[in-house]
């Protein structure tokens, strides 16, 4: 089953509700890839899947992308709190 954003329409009003499946894990790659190369490869895959969101703050931090890492940490905490 795929996670997706479902739009529900009631008479006279539109409502949006989210159905979310959260999967956790650790990305693995060959040692020849740098952290940035792995992150770029993951980003390319996710671009082809508009309903998929991927948050890898530790990988972003290891790739030297501190701002992205912090944003992804905040987004992950919002998901974990809900």
Protein backbone atom coordinates (compact mmCIF):
# COMPACT_ATOMS: atom_id res chain seq x y z
CA UNK A 1 0.00 0.00 0.00
CA UNK A 2 1.35 3.43 -0.92
CA UNK A 3 1.18 6.42 1.35
CA UNK A 4 -0.60 9.30 -0.28
CA UNK A 5 -2.39 12.54 0.25
CA UNK A 6 -6.13 12.00 -0.06
CA UNK A 7 -8.54 14.79 -0.90
CA UNK A 8 -12.04 14.37 0.46
CA UNK A 9 -14.81 16.64 -0.70
CA UNK A 10 -18.00 17.20 1.27
CA UNK A 11 -20.98 19.12 -0.10
CA UNK A 12 -20.18 22.80 0.21
CA UNK A 13 -16.70 22.31 1.68
CA UNK A 14 -13.41 20.72 0.71
CA UNK A 15 -11.35 18.89 3.31
CA UNK A 16 -7.88 17.42 3.05
CA UNK A 17 -6.62 14.63 5.26
CA UNK A 18 -3.32 12.84 5.15
CA UNK A 19 -2.71 9.14 5.23
CA UNK A 20 0.91 8.64 6.17
CA UNK A 21 3.05 5.56 6.46
CA UNK A 22 6.32 6.22 8.27
CA UNK A 23 9.20 3.88 7.54
CA UNK A 24 12.50 4.18 9.37
CA UNK A 25 15.86 2.70 8.55
CA UNK A 26 19.41 3.40 7.52
CA UNK A 27 20.48 4.05 3.94
CA UNK A 28 23.44 1.94 2.82
CA UNK A 29 25.79 2.54 -0.06
CA UNK A 30 29.08 1.30 -1.42
CA UNK A 31 32.09 2.89 0.28
CA UNK A 32 33.04 4.54 -3.03
CA UNK A 33 30.10 6.98 -2.73
CA UNK A 34 30.49 10.11 -0.67
CA UNK A 35 27.70 11.20 1.64
CA UNK A 36 26.82 13.98 -0.76
CA UNK A 37 26.68 11.59 -3.73
CA UNK A 38 24.37 9.25 -1.82
CA UNK A 39 22.12 12.14 -0.82
CA UNK A 40 21.98 13.38 -4.43
CA UNK A 41 21.09 9.89 -5.65
CA UNK A 42 18.30 9.60 -3.07
CA UNK A 43 17.02 13.05 -4.04
CA UNK A 44 16.81 12.00 -7.71
CA UNK A 45 14.77 8.92 -6.82
CA UNK A 46 12.40 10.88 -4.57
CA UNK A 47 11.86 13.51 -7.29
CA UNK A 48 10.20 10.81 -9.40
CA UNK A 49 7.81 9.96 -6.54
CA UNK A 50 5.90 13.14 -5.68
CA UNK A 51 3.99 11.59 -2.75
CA UNK A 52 7.17 10.35 -1.06
CA UNK A 53 9.12 12.44 1.44
CA UNK A 54 12.56 11.38 2.60
CA UNK A 55 14.20 12.91 5.65
CA UNK A 56 17.83 11.95 6.29
CA UNK A 57 19.19 14.68 8.56
CA UNK A 58 22.27 12.75 9.69
CA UNK A 59 23.22 12.10 6.07
CA UNK A 60 22.64 15.77 5.18
CA UNK A 61 24.85 16.80 8.10
CA UNK A 62 27.57 14.34 7.06
CA UNK A 63 27.36 15.83 3.54
CA UNK A 64 28.03 19.28 5.02
CA UNK A 65 24.46 20.55 4.57
CA UNK A 66 23.77 21.83 8.08
CA UNK A 67 20.71 23.92 7.17
CA UNK A 68 19.05 21.01 5.38
CA UNK A 69 19.87 18.72 8.30
CA UNK A 70 18.18 21.08 10.77
CA UNK A 71 15.07 21.46 8.58
CA UNK A 72 14.78 17.69 8.19
CA UNK A 73 15.17 17.19 11.96
CA UNK A 74 12.30 19.61 12.59
CA UNK A 75 10.12 17.87 10.00
CA UNK A 76 10.88 14.46 11.50
CA UNK A 77 9.98 15.69 14.98
CA UNK A 78 6.62 16.97 13.69
CA UNK A 79 5.87 13.53 12.24
CA UNK A 80 6.96 11.73 15.39
CA UNK A 81 4.81 14.01 17.58
CA UNK A 82 1.63 13.41 15.59
